[in-house]
C-alpha cells in the first residue's frame, strides 16, 4: 500500500480550474472559458491518481477512462457544427459506458433499484418525445446517447450515495444542454453557467465518491490520513 495525498490537496487543482472556468463564464470571457475547459478533466484525473491508495486498480482503470473520454468530449464539443457535436457526444457516450462498468463492477454495493429503472425510462421517453421534432437527422444518435446517459445515472444508484448524487447531477447538466441546443425558446437565466456548474459538480462528486470508497477499503479511517491504519500499526 503506498502513501497517498490527502483528498483536499489532491482535488485542489480541479477546484481552482473549476472556479476560474465558472467565473469566466459569468464574466463573459470566451477566451478564458475556452482555455480552461480542456483543463477540467485532466485536473480531476490528477486528483483521482494522487488520492487513490492503489494505482493498479479497476477503480482507476474505469474512472480514468471515463475522465479521458470526458476530456475528449469537452475538446470535441468546442468545434462548431454537427460533426464536432456528434464526435463529442460519442466520446461522452464512451465515458458513460466506462462509468457503468465502474458502477456495476468494483463500486457496486446493492442491486439497481426498480424504481430507478422506471424513472430512467420515464426521463428518456420524455426527452425523446420533447426533442424528436427538432432533432431531425440527429434523432437516432441523440436518443442512443440519452439511453446510455440515463442508464449510467440509474446504475449509479447501485453504488454509494456520493457517487449516485454525482451521476444524477451529471444527468441534469446534459439534460439542460440538450434542451438548450435543440428546444426552441428554452431559456434559463445563466444557462451556460448552470450547465457547467452541474457538469463539474457531478464529475467531481463521482470521483470523490470513488476515492472515498477506495480509501475506506484500504483501511484509511479518516480522509486526512497519509497511510492506512494497518500500515501505521506495522
Protein backbone atom coordinates (compact mmCIF):
# COMPACT_ATOMS: atom_id res chain seq x y z
CA UNK A 1 0.00 0.00 0.00
CA UNK A 2 1.57 3.32 -0.99
CA UNK A 3 1.35 6.62 0.93
CA UNK A 4 -1.20 8.87 -0.68
CA UNK A 5 -2.14 12.52 -0.93
CA UNK A 6 -4.90 13.86 1.28
CA UNK A 7 -8.09 14.32 -0.77
CA UNK A 8 -8.28 18.11 -0.39
CA UNK A 9 -4.78 18.85 -1.75
CA UNK A 10 -5.30 16.26 -4.47
CA UNK A 11 -8.55 17.92 -5.59
CA UNK A 12 -7.27 21.50 -5.24
CA UNK A 13 -6.14 21.90 -8.90
CA UNK A 14 -9.57 20.74 -10.10
CA UNK A 15 -11.35 23.09 -7.70
CA UNK A 16 -9.21 26.04 -8.80
CA UNK A 17 -9.68 25.36 -12.51
CA UNK A 18 -13.42 24.88 -12.00
CA UNK A 19 -13.79 28.18 -10.15
CA UNK A 20 -11.79 30.06 -12.78
CA UNK A 21 -13.84 28.45 -15.55
CA UNK A 22 -17.17 29.30 -13.93
CA UNK A 23 -16.08 32.88 -13.21
CA UNK A 24 -15.01 33.21 -16.84
CA UNK A 25 -18.47 32.09 -17.98
CA UNK A 26 -20.17 34.51 -15.60
CA UNK A 27 -17.88 37.36 -16.71
CA UNK A 28 -18.43 36.64 -20.40
CA UNK A 29 -14.79 35.88 -21.21
CA UNK A 30 -14.87 33.35 -24.07
CA UNK A 31 -11.09 33.20 -24.36
CA UNK A 32 -10.64 32.15 -20.75
CA UNK A 33 -13.61 29.78 -20.99
CA UNK A 34 -12.04 28.06 -23.99
CA UNK A 35 -8.64 27.90 -22.31
CA UNK A 36 -9.85 26.42 -19.02
CA UNK A 37 -12.43 23.90 -20.24
CA UNK A 38 -9.85 21.40 -21.57
CA UNK A 39 -8.06 21.54 -18.20
CA UNK A 40 -11.03 20.43 -16.09
CA UNK A 41 -10.92 16.67 -16.60
CA UNK A 42 -7.10 16.36 -16.58
CA UNK A 43 -7.10 18.17 -13.21
CA UNK A 44 -9.75 15.75 -11.93
CA UNK A 45 -7.74 12.80 -13.23
CA UNK A 46 -4.73 14.08 -11.29
CA UNK A 47 -6.91 14.13 -8.17
CA UNK A 48 -8.00 10.54 -8.77
CA UNK A 49 -4.45 9.30 -9.28
CA UNK A 50 -3.00 11.14 -6.28
CA UNK A 51 -5.75 10.28 -3.80
CA UNK A 52 -6.22 6.59 -4.62
CA UNK A 53 -4.25 4.24 -2.37
CA UNK A 54 -3.74 1.76 -5.24
CA UNK A 55 -2.80 2.73 -8.79
CA UNK A 56 -3.23 -0.76 -10.21
CA UNK A 57 -6.94 -0.79 -9.52
CA UNK A 58 -10.15 -1.24 -11.53
CA UNK A 59 -11.34 1.96 -9.86
CA UNK A 60 -8.52 3.87 -11.54
CA UNK A 61 -8.94 1.98 -14.81
CA UNK A 62 -12.64 2.69 -15.31
CA UNK A 63 -12.64 6.05 -13.56
CA UNK A 64 -9.59 7.16 -15.53
CA UNK A 65 -11.11 6.03 -18.82
CA UNK A 66 -14.31 7.92 -18.03
CA UNK A 67 -12.33 11.11 -17.38
CA UNK A 68 -10.19 10.71 -20.51
CA UNK A 69 -13.27 10.25 -22.69
CA UNK A 70 -14.95 13.17 -20.92
CA UNK A 71 -11.91 15.34 -21.69
CA UNK A 72 -12.08 14.26 -25.32
CA UNK A 73 -15.77 15.15 -25.37
CA UNK A 74 -15.04 18.58 -23.90
CA UNK A 75 -12.46 19.26 -26.60
CA UNK A 76 -14.57 17.97 -29.49
CA UNK A 77 -17.69 19.87 -28.42
CA UNK A 78 -15.76 23.12 -28.73
CA UNK A 79 -15.73 22.59 -32.51
CA UNK A 80 -18.74 24.16 -34.23
CA UNK A 81 -21.23 22.19 -36.33
CA UNK A 82 -22.90 18.81 -36.17
CA UNK A 83 -19.70 16.81 -36.76
CA UNK A 84 -18.00 18.19 -33.68
CA UNK A 85 -21.20 17.68 -31.71
CA UNK A 86 -21.58 14.06 -32.80
CA UNK A 87 -17.94 13.22 -32.09
CA UNK A 88 -18.11 14.92 -28.71
CA UNK A 89 -21.35 13.15 -27.86
CA UNK A 90 -19.77 9.84 -28.88
CA UNK A 91 -16.81 10.46 -26.58
CA UNK A 92 -19.14 11.22 -23.69
CA UNK A 93 -21.10 8.08 -24.53
CA UNK A 94 -17.89 6.08 -24.05
CA UNK A 95 -17.29 7.92 -20.78
CA UNK A 96 -20.70 6.87 -19.51
CA UNK A 97 -20.08 3.27 -20.58
CA UNK A 98 -16.87 3.33 -18.54
CA UNK A 99 -18.81 4.69 -15.58
CA UNK A 100 -21.44 1.95 -16.00
CA UNK A 101 -18.66 -0.68 -15.88
CA UNK A 102 -17.45 1.00 -12.69
CA UNK A 103 -20.89 1.25 -11.08
CA UNK A 104 -21.86 -2.35 -11.80
CA UNK A 105 -18.38 -3.70 -11.08
CA UNK A 106 -15.99 -2.56 -8.34
CA UNK A 107 -18.27 0.20 -6.98
CA UNK A 108 -21.46 -1.84 -6.71
CA UNK A 109 -22.89 -2.21 -3.21
CA UNK A 110 -26.51 -3.18 -3.91
CA UNK A 111 -28.98 -4.01 -6.65
CA UNK A 112 -30.13 -1.29 -9.00
CA UNK A 113 -33.49 -0.18 -7.52
CA UNK A 114 -36.53 -0.99 -9.65
CA UNK A 115 -37.96 2.49 -9.12
CA UNK A 116 -34.74 3.98 -10.53
CA UNK A 117 -35.12 1.97 -13.72
CA UNK A 118 -38.70 3.20 -14.05
CA UNK A 119 -37.66 6.82 -13.54
CA UNK A 120 -34.87 6.38 -16.07
CA UNK A 121 -37.31 5.10 -18.67
CA UNK A 122 -39.67 8.00 -17.98
CA UNK A 123 -36.84 10.54 -18.27
CA UNK A 124 -35.54 9.06 -21.54
CA UNK A 125 -39.01 8.74 -23.11
CA UNK A 126 -39.90 12.30 -22.13
CA UNK A 127 -36.68 13.75 -23.53
CA UNK A 128 -37.05 11.90 -26.83
CA UNK A 129 -40.71 12.93 -27.13
CA UNK A 130 -39.94 16.60 -26.37
CA UNK A 131 -36.97 16.87 -28.70
CA UNK A 132 -37.87 14.44 -31.51
CA UNK A 133 -39.47 17.04 -33.78
CA UNK A 134 -36.44 19.32 -33.57
CA UNK A 135 -33.67 16.73 -33.83
CA UNK A 136 -34.12 15.78 -37.47
CA UNK A 137 -31.27 13.54 -38.59
CA UNK A 138 -29.75 13.65 -35.10
CA UNK A 139 -32.70 11.81 -33.54
CA UNK A 140 -31.13 8.34 -33.50
CA UNK A 141 -27.65 9.30 -32.17
CA UNK A 142 -29.10 11.65 -29.56
CA UNK A 143 -31.64 9.03 -28.46
CA UNK A 144 -28.90 6.41 -28.17
CA UNK A 145 -26.71 8.77 -26.19
CA UNK A 146 -29.63 9.58 -23.91
CA UNK A 147 -30.13 5.88 -23.33
CA UNK A 148 -26.52 5.44 -22.21
CA UNK A 149 -26.63 8.63 -20.13
CA UNK A 150 -29.83 7.57 -18.38
CA UNK A 151 -28.51 4.05 -17.82
CA UNK A 152 -25.37 5.45 -16.17
CA UNK A 153 -27.41 7.57 -13.76
CA UNK A 154 -29.65 4.60 -12.93
CA UNK A 155 -26.73 2.20 -12.42
CA UNK A 156 -25.01 4.73 -10.14
CA UNK A 157 -27.83 4.19 -7.65
CA UNK A 158 -26.34 0.74 -7.00
CA UNK A 159 -23.26 2.44 -5.51
CA UNK A 160 -22.52 4.84 -2.65
CA UNK A 161 -24.71 7.96 -2.20
CA UNK A 162 -21.93 10.41 -3.14
CA UNK A 163 -21.40 8.71 -6.50
CA UNK A 164 -25.14 8.41 -7.12
CA UNK A 165 -25.69 12.11 -6.45
CA UNK A 166 -22.83 12.98 -8.78
CA UNK A 167 -24.24 10.85 -11.59
CA UNK A 168 -27.69 12.42 -11.22
CA UNK A 169 -26.21 15.93 -11.26
CA UNK A 170 -24.27 14.96 -14.40
CA UNK A 171 -27.62 13.87 -15.90
CA UNK A 172 -29.09 17.28 -15.05
CA UNK A 173 -26.21 19.01 -16.82
CA UNK A 174 -26.68 17.03 -20.04
CA UNK A 175 -30.46 17.45 -19.87
CA UNK A 176 -30.08 21.23 -19.72
CA UNK A 177 -27.54 21.11 -22.53
CA UNK A 178 -29.87 19.12 -24.79
CA UNK A 179 -32.83 21.40 -24.11
CA UNK A 180 -30.70 24.48 -24.72
CA UNK A 181 -29.31 23.17 -28.00
CA UNK A 182 -32.42 21.67 -29.55
CA UNK A 183 -35.59 23.07 -27.97
CA UNK A 184 -36.54 26.47 -29.42
CA UNK A 185 -37.48 29.05 -26.84
CA UNK A 186 -35.96 27.15 -23.93
CA UNK A 187 -34.35 29.74 -21.71
CA UNK A 188 -33.00 29.66 -18.18
CA UNK A 189 -31.11 32.51 -16.54
CA UNK A 190 -27.33 31.95 -16.84
CA UNK A 191 -27.93 28.61 -18.55
CA UNK A 192 -24.31 28.09 -19.66
CA UNK A 193 -23.15 28.67 -16.10
CA UNK A 194 -25.75 26.24 -14.74
CA UNK A 195 -24.75 23.56 -17.26
CA UNK A 196 -21.05 23.76 -16.44
CA UNK A 197 -21.64 24.07 -12.71
CA UNK A 198 -23.70 20.86 -12.76
CA UNK A 199 -21.15 19.15 -15.03
CA UNK A 200 -18.14 19.98 -12.83
CA UNK A 201 -20.02 19.24 -9.62
CA UNK A 202 -21.34 15.94 -10.95
CA UNK A 203 -17.96 14.72 -12.17
CA UNK A 204 -16.26 15.91 -9.01
CA UNK A 205 -18.73 14.11 -6.76
CA UNK A 206 -18.37 10.87 -8.73
CA UNK A 207 -14.58 10.90 -8.42
CA UNK A 208 -14.72 11.97 -4.78
CA UNK A 209 -17.03 9.03 -4.13
CA UNK A 210 -14.62 6.65 -5.83
CA UNK A 211 -11.73 7.98 -3.76
CA UNK A 212 -13.74 7.73 -0.53
CA UNK A 213 -14.67 4.11 -1.17
CA UNK A 214 -11.12 3.16 -2.15
CA UNK A 215 -9.61 4.75 0.94
CA UNK A 216 -12.10 3.08 3.27
CA UNK A 217 -11.44 -0.30 1.72
CA UNK A 218 -7.69 0.26 2.11
CA UNK A 219 -8.02 0.99 5.84
CA UNK A 220 -7.94 4.79 5.94
CA UNK A 221 -10.12 5.71 8.91
CA UNK A 222 -10.11 9.45 8.14
CA UNK A 223 -9.83 11.43 4.92
CA UNK A 224 -6.69 13.20 6.17
CA UNK A 225 -4.58 10.08 6.70
CA UNK A 226 -1.49 9.71 4.51
CA UNK A 227 -1.12 5.98 5.15
CA UNK A 228 -3.74 3.38 6.11
CA UNK A 229 -4.17 2.43 9.74
CA UNK A 230 -2.94 -1.12 9.24
CA UNK A 231 0.30 0.21 7.73
CA UNK A 232 0.77 2.66 10.57
CA UNK A 233 0.42 -0.18 13.09
CA UNK A 234 3.12 -2.31 11.47
